[in-house]
N, C-alpha and C. Protein backbone atom coordinates (compact mmCIF):
# COMPACT_ATOMS: atom_id res chain seq x y z
N MET A 1 0.79 -1.12 0.08
CA MET A 1 -0.03 0.00 0.13
C MET A 1 0.93 1.26 0.03
N LYS A 2 0.58 2.19 -0.87
CA LYS A 2 1.36 3.38 -0.89
C LYS A 2 0.83 4.34 0.27
N LEU A 3 1.69 5.00 0.96
CA LEU A 3 1.43 5.80 2.07
C LEU A 3 1.79 7.16 1.94
N HIS A 4 2.46 7.60 0.90
CA HIS A 4 2.86 8.94 0.64
C HIS A 4 2.67 9.44 -0.69
N ALA A 5 2.67 10.81 -0.86
CA ALA A 5 2.42 11.29 -2.23
C ALA A 5 3.66 10.98 -3.16
N SER A 6 3.35 10.93 -4.41
CA SER A 6 4.30 10.61 -5.47
C SER A 6 5.13 11.78 -5.92
N GLY A 7 4.66 12.92 -5.75
CA GLY A 7 5.31 14.17 -6.32
C GLY A 7 6.20 14.62 -5.27
N PRO A 8 7.05 15.59 -5.64
CA PRO A 8 8.10 16.16 -4.86
C PRO A 8 7.48 16.84 -3.45
N SER A 9 8.20 16.67 -2.40
CA SER A 9 7.62 17.14 -1.19
C SER A 9 8.75 18.08 -0.56
N ARG A 10 8.39 19.00 0.29
CA ARG A 10 9.27 19.80 1.05
C ARG A 10 9.98 19.16 2.24
N TYR A 11 9.19 17.86 2.56
CA TYR A 11 9.67 17.26 3.67
C TYR A 11 10.24 15.80 3.28
N ASN A 12 11.09 15.29 4.14
CA ASN A 12 11.77 13.96 3.92
C ASN A 12 10.62 13.01 4.03
N THR A 13 10.81 11.95 3.20
CA THR A 13 9.92 10.73 3.24
C THR A 13 10.83 9.52 3.11
N ILE A 14 10.36 8.38 3.68
CA ILE A 14 11.04 7.21 3.51
C ILE A 14 10.32 6.43 2.31
N THR A 15 11.21 6.34 1.20
CA THR A 15 10.63 5.95 0.11
C THR A 15 10.81 4.34 -0.36
N GLY A 16 11.59 3.74 0.65
CA GLY A 16 11.90 2.31 0.64
C GLY A 16 12.68 1.79 1.85
N TYR A 17 12.58 0.50 2.09
CA TYR A 17 13.35 0.01 3.09
C TYR A 17 13.44 -1.56 2.94
N GLY A 18 14.52 -1.98 3.58
CA GLY A 18 14.84 -3.47 3.59
C GLY A 18 15.26 -3.85 4.94
N GLU A 19 15.89 -5.02 4.98
CA GLU A 19 16.47 -5.44 6.21
C GLU A 19 17.68 -4.69 6.81
N ASP A 20 18.48 -4.10 5.78
CA ASP A 20 19.69 -3.48 6.19
C ASP A 20 19.82 -2.06 5.44
N TYR A 21 18.75 -1.51 5.21
CA TYR A 21 18.89 -0.12 4.49
C TYR A 21 17.42 0.50 4.53
N VAL A 22 17.52 1.92 4.46
CA VAL A 22 16.36 2.65 4.04
C VAL A 22 16.63 3.66 3.05
N LEU A 23 15.68 4.00 2.27
CA LEU A 23 15.82 5.06 1.28
C LEU A 23 15.03 6.24 1.84
N VAL A 24 15.66 7.48 1.90
CA VAL A 24 15.01 8.77 2.31
C VAL A 24 15.12 9.58 0.96
N ASN A 25 13.91 9.90 0.46
CA ASN A 25 13.90 10.62 -0.89
C ASN A 25 14.73 9.89 -1.86
N GLY A 26 14.72 8.62 -1.83
CA GLY A 26 15.40 7.88 -2.83
C GLY A 26 16.90 7.67 -2.54
N GLU A 27 17.52 8.18 -1.57
CA GLU A 27 18.83 8.08 -1.21
C GLU A 27 19.04 7.01 -0.20
N ARG A 28 19.96 6.08 -0.55
CA ARG A 28 20.12 4.80 0.33
C ARG A 28 21.01 5.21 1.52
N HIS A 29 20.54 4.63 2.83
CA HIS A 29 21.27 4.71 3.96
C HIS A 29 21.47 3.40 4.56
N ASP A 30 22.66 3.00 4.85
CA ASP A 30 23.19 1.54 5.28
C ASP A 30 23.42 1.61 6.69
N SER A 31 23.45 2.58 7.53
CA SER A 31 23.73 2.71 8.87
C SER A 31 22.74 3.44 9.63
N SER A 32 22.77 3.22 10.91
CA SER A 32 21.72 3.93 11.76
C SER A 32 21.68 5.32 11.59
N LEU A 33 20.43 5.89 11.61
CA LEU A 33 20.24 7.39 11.27
C LEU A 33 18.99 7.74 11.97
N VAL A 34 18.78 9.07 11.98
CA VAL A 34 17.64 9.77 12.49
C VAL A 34 17.16 10.61 11.45
N VAL A 35 15.84 10.34 11.08
CA VAL A 35 15.27 11.12 9.96
C VAL A 35 14.19 12.05 10.74
N LEU A 36 14.33 13.33 10.20
CA LEU A 36 13.45 14.37 10.64
C LEU A 36 12.76 14.89 9.36
N PRO A 37 11.63 15.60 9.51
CA PRO A 37 10.95 16.13 8.30
C PRO A 37 11.96 16.98 7.39
N ASP A 38 13.04 17.74 8.08
CA ASP A 38 13.76 18.59 7.31
C ASP A 38 15.30 18.18 7.21
N ARG A 39 15.62 17.10 7.74
CA ARG A 39 17.11 16.71 7.69
C ARG A 39 17.27 15.40 8.12
N VAL A 40 18.36 14.74 7.77
CA VAL A 40 18.73 13.40 8.08
C VAL A 40 20.11 13.49 8.90
N LEU A 41 20.23 12.89 10.05
CA LEU A 41 21.39 12.76 10.82
C LEU A 41 21.87 11.40 10.92
N ASN A 42 23.31 11.23 10.99
CA ASN A 42 23.79 9.98 11.31
C ASN A 42 23.59 9.73 12.80
N TRP A 43 23.45 8.54 13.21
CA TRP A 43 23.14 8.21 14.65
C TRP A 43 24.31 7.12 14.98
N PRO A 44 25.29 7.34 15.66
CA PRO A 44 26.40 6.44 15.88
C PRO A 44 26.11 5.19 16.84
N VAL A 45 25.04 4.58 16.64
CA VAL A 45 24.62 3.29 17.38
C VAL A 45 24.45 2.26 16.31
N SER A 46 25.31 1.37 16.34
CA SER A 46 25.30 0.26 15.38
C SER A 46 24.42 -0.98 15.63
N ASP A 47 23.94 -1.12 16.94
CA ASP A 47 23.20 -2.20 17.42
C ASP A 47 22.33 -1.82 18.54
N PHE A 48 21.06 -2.31 18.58
CA PHE A 48 20.22 -2.18 19.70
C PHE A 48 20.77 -2.50 21.08
N THR A 49 21.67 -3.43 21.15
CA THR A 49 22.14 -3.80 22.45
C THR A 49 23.24 -2.81 22.92
N GLU A 50 23.71 -1.96 22.01
CA GLU A 50 24.61 -0.99 22.43
C GLU A 50 24.04 0.48 22.87
N LEU A 51 22.68 0.54 22.87
CA LEU A 51 22.07 1.73 23.22
C LEU A 51 22.46 2.22 24.58
N LYS A 52 22.65 3.52 24.82
CA LYS A 52 22.99 4.09 26.06
C LYS A 52 22.12 5.33 26.30
N ALA A 53 22.08 5.81 27.63
CA ALA A 53 21.21 6.90 27.87
C ALA A 53 21.72 8.13 27.03
N GLU A 54 23.03 8.24 26.70
CA GLU A 54 23.42 9.43 25.97
C GLU A 54 22.79 9.35 24.51
N ASP A 55 22.64 8.08 24.03
CA ASP A 55 21.99 8.06 22.67
C ASP A 55 20.54 8.76 22.70
N PHE A 56 19.84 8.64 23.84
CA PHE A 56 18.52 9.12 23.91
C PHE A 56 18.52 10.63 24.26
N LYS A 57 19.51 10.99 24.95
CA LYS A 57 19.80 12.56 25.20
C LYS A 57 19.74 13.25 23.94
N THR A 58 20.52 12.61 22.94
CA THR A 58 20.58 13.29 21.62
C THR A 58 19.32 13.42 21.04
N LEU A 59 18.43 12.37 21.22
CA LEU A 59 17.08 12.53 20.50
C LEU A 59 16.23 13.48 21.27
N GLU A 60 16.37 13.71 22.51
CA GLU A 60 15.56 14.65 23.32
C GLU A 60 15.79 16.13 22.80
N ASN A 61 16.95 16.36 22.34
CA ASN A 61 17.30 17.71 21.84
C ASN A 61 16.94 18.04 20.49
N LEU A 62 16.21 17.34 19.85
CA LEU A 62 15.81 17.58 18.43
C LEU A 62 14.56 18.36 18.28
N GLY A 63 13.82 18.46 19.39
CA GLY A 63 12.50 19.22 19.21
C GLY A 63 11.37 18.48 18.76
N ALA A 64 11.34 17.18 18.69
CA ALA A 64 10.24 16.39 18.19
C ALA A 64 9.19 16.12 19.21
N GLU A 65 8.02 16.14 19.01
CA GLU A 65 6.94 15.78 19.87
C GLU A 65 6.75 14.26 19.86
N ILE A 66 7.12 13.48 18.87
CA ILE A 66 7.15 12.18 18.73
C ILE A 66 8.43 11.67 18.26
N VAL A 67 9.01 10.73 18.92
CA VAL A 67 10.25 10.11 18.53
C VAL A 67 9.80 8.59 18.20
N LEU A 68 10.03 8.12 17.04
CA LEU A 68 9.85 6.74 16.71
C LEU A 68 11.12 6.00 16.90
N LEU A 69 11.25 4.94 17.51
CA LEU A 69 12.45 4.10 17.58
C LEU A 69 12.21 2.85 16.88
N GLY A 70 12.86 2.73 15.62
CA GLY A 70 12.84 1.55 14.81
C GLY A 70 14.01 0.63 15.34
N THR A 71 13.59 -0.56 15.86
CA THR A 71 14.54 -1.35 16.54
C THR A 71 15.02 -2.55 15.65
N GLY A 72 15.00 -2.41 14.35
CA GLY A 72 15.49 -3.50 13.54
C GLY A 72 14.39 -4.44 13.04
N PRO A 73 14.65 -5.72 12.80
CA PRO A 73 13.63 -6.64 12.29
C PRO A 73 12.52 -6.96 13.27
N LYS A 74 12.78 -6.69 14.55
CA LYS A 74 11.72 -7.04 15.52
C LYS A 74 11.69 -6.00 16.59
N GLN A 75 10.45 -5.84 17.22
CA GLN A 75 10.28 -4.71 18.17
C GLN A 75 10.94 -5.19 19.48
N ARG A 76 11.75 -4.29 19.96
CA ARG A 76 12.45 -4.65 21.21
C ARG A 76 12.40 -3.25 22.01
N PHE A 77 12.26 -3.39 23.37
CA PHE A 77 12.08 -2.16 24.14
C PHE A 77 13.38 -1.93 24.93
N PRO A 78 13.77 -0.64 24.84
CA PRO A 78 14.98 -0.29 25.53
C PRO A 78 14.64 -0.19 27.12
N HIS A 79 15.58 -0.50 27.99
CA HIS A 79 15.30 -0.30 29.48
C HIS A 79 14.76 1.10 29.75
N PRO A 80 13.80 1.22 30.61
CA PRO A 80 13.23 2.57 30.92
C PRO A 80 14.23 3.56 31.57
N ARG A 81 15.30 3.09 32.13
CA ARG A 81 16.13 4.01 32.75
C ARG A 81 16.97 4.90 31.61
N LEU A 82 17.03 4.09 30.38
CA LEU A 82 17.71 4.85 29.27
C LEU A 82 16.86 5.81 28.62
N THR A 83 15.60 5.59 28.78
CA THR A 83 14.60 6.69 28.02
C THR A 83 13.88 7.57 29.00
N SER A 84 14.22 7.44 30.26
CA SER A 84 13.48 8.30 31.23
C SER A 84 13.21 9.74 30.88
N GLY A 85 14.08 10.36 30.39
CA GLY A 85 13.93 11.86 29.92
C GLY A 85 13.30 12.09 28.67
N LEU A 86 12.96 11.11 27.91
CA LEU A 86 12.42 11.27 26.52
C LEU A 86 11.00 11.08 26.61
N SER A 87 10.17 12.12 26.29
CA SER A 87 8.65 11.98 26.22
C SER A 87 8.33 11.67 24.79
N GLY A 88 7.12 11.13 24.63
CA GLY A 88 6.76 10.89 23.20
C GLY A 88 7.44 9.71 22.43
N LEU A 89 8.00 8.84 23.14
CA LEU A 89 8.79 7.81 22.43
C LEU A 89 7.82 6.55 22.14
N GLU A 90 7.95 6.14 20.87
CA GLU A 90 7.02 5.10 20.36
C GLU A 90 8.06 4.11 19.77
N VAL A 91 8.01 2.75 20.30
CA VAL A 91 9.00 1.79 19.96
C VAL A 91 8.29 0.82 19.02
N MET A 92 8.92 0.47 17.89
CA MET A 92 8.44 -0.49 17.00
C MET A 92 9.58 -1.08 16.07
N ASP A 93 9.11 -2.02 15.28
CA ASP A 93 10.22 -2.62 14.27
C ASP A 93 10.46 -1.56 13.44
N LEU A 94 11.60 -1.69 12.63
CA LEU A 94 12.07 -0.70 11.54
C LEU A 94 10.95 -0.43 10.54
N LYS A 95 10.37 -1.46 10.06
CA LYS A 95 9.47 -1.20 8.96
C LYS A 95 8.25 -0.44 9.37
N ALA A 96 7.61 -0.70 10.55
CA ALA A 96 6.59 -0.05 11.14
C ALA A 96 7.05 1.46 11.43
N ALA A 97 8.18 1.60 11.87
CA ALA A 97 8.71 3.03 12.11
C ALA A 97 8.74 3.84 10.87
N CYS A 98 9.26 3.20 9.79
CA CYS A 98 9.28 3.91 8.44
C CYS A 98 7.95 4.24 7.99
N ARG A 99 6.92 3.31 8.01
CA ARG A 99 5.59 3.68 7.59
C ARG A 99 4.96 4.72 8.47
N THR A 100 5.12 4.65 9.78
CA THR A 100 4.53 5.56 10.71
C THR A 100 5.09 6.96 10.48
N PHE A 101 6.50 7.01 10.29
CA PHE A 101 7.05 8.35 9.94
C PHE A 101 6.44 9.10 8.88
N ASN A 102 6.17 8.27 7.72
CA ASN A 102 5.69 8.91 6.60
C ASN A 102 4.17 9.49 6.83
N ILE A 103 3.47 8.67 7.64
CA ILE A 103 2.04 9.20 7.90
C ILE A 103 2.04 10.44 8.74
N LEU A 104 3.00 10.52 9.80
CA LEU A 104 3.08 11.72 10.64
C LEU A 104 3.71 12.97 9.98
N VAL A 105 4.64 12.79 8.97
CA VAL A 105 5.26 13.79 8.24
C VAL A 105 4.05 14.32 7.44
N ALA A 106 3.15 13.50 6.73
CA ALA A 106 2.19 14.06 5.84
C ALA A 106 1.17 14.85 6.78
N GLU A 107 1.09 14.51 8.13
CA GLU A 107 0.13 15.24 8.95
C GLU A 107 0.94 16.51 9.42
N GLU A 108 2.08 16.77 9.06
CA GLU A 108 3.01 18.07 9.42
C GLU A 108 3.13 17.92 10.91
N ARG A 109 3.42 16.74 11.48
CA ARG A 109 3.80 16.54 12.93
C ARG A 109 5.20 16.80 13.16
N LYS A 110 5.62 17.15 14.27
CA LYS A 110 7.15 17.22 14.63
C LYS A 110 7.52 15.84 14.97
N VAL A 111 8.10 15.05 14.11
CA VAL A 111 8.50 13.71 14.43
C VAL A 111 9.86 13.48 14.00
N ALA A 112 10.49 12.53 14.70
CA ALA A 112 11.87 12.07 14.47
C ALA A 112 11.87 10.50 14.42
N ALA A 113 12.41 9.88 13.53
CA ALA A 113 12.61 8.40 13.43
C ALA A 113 14.04 8.10 13.63
N ALA A 114 14.42 7.40 14.63
CA ALA A 114 15.64 6.84 15.08
C ALA A 114 15.64 5.41 14.74
N LEU A 115 16.45 5.15 13.60
CA LEU A 115 16.35 3.83 12.94
C LEU A 115 17.57 3.03 13.11
N LEU A 116 17.52 1.80 13.61
CA LEU A 116 18.49 0.84 13.83
C LEU A 116 18.07 -0.36 12.85
N PHE A 117 19.26 -0.94 12.46
CA PHE A 117 19.09 -2.25 11.59
C PHE A 117 19.31 -3.41 12.17
N ARG A 118 20.06 -3.39 13.32
CA ARG A 118 20.36 -4.59 14.13
C ARG A 118 19.97 -4.33 15.58
């Protein structure tokens, strides 16, 4: 099912994904990243098991009202002490996070998608 407009947009959209990549506006990304409506940031976390409180502090400072955490091929929840300062966190698998990001961007919501592949 198509979830986003086919024409050019002023906002980033996730145009494709697989087990080890995502396409943002057609550009391939093979390592962890944070996608916001207006920019894409590298996220220096290579694996879910390596997440630290500092990684979530970075997400707190983005000004997003909703932060989607895509945890790779399956949904996994980080320990609450890691995310205690981050409100608006939604945890889901990578594919669900990509689809949800596009829907929220289309609604012009302040959203960030922090995406992990492993």
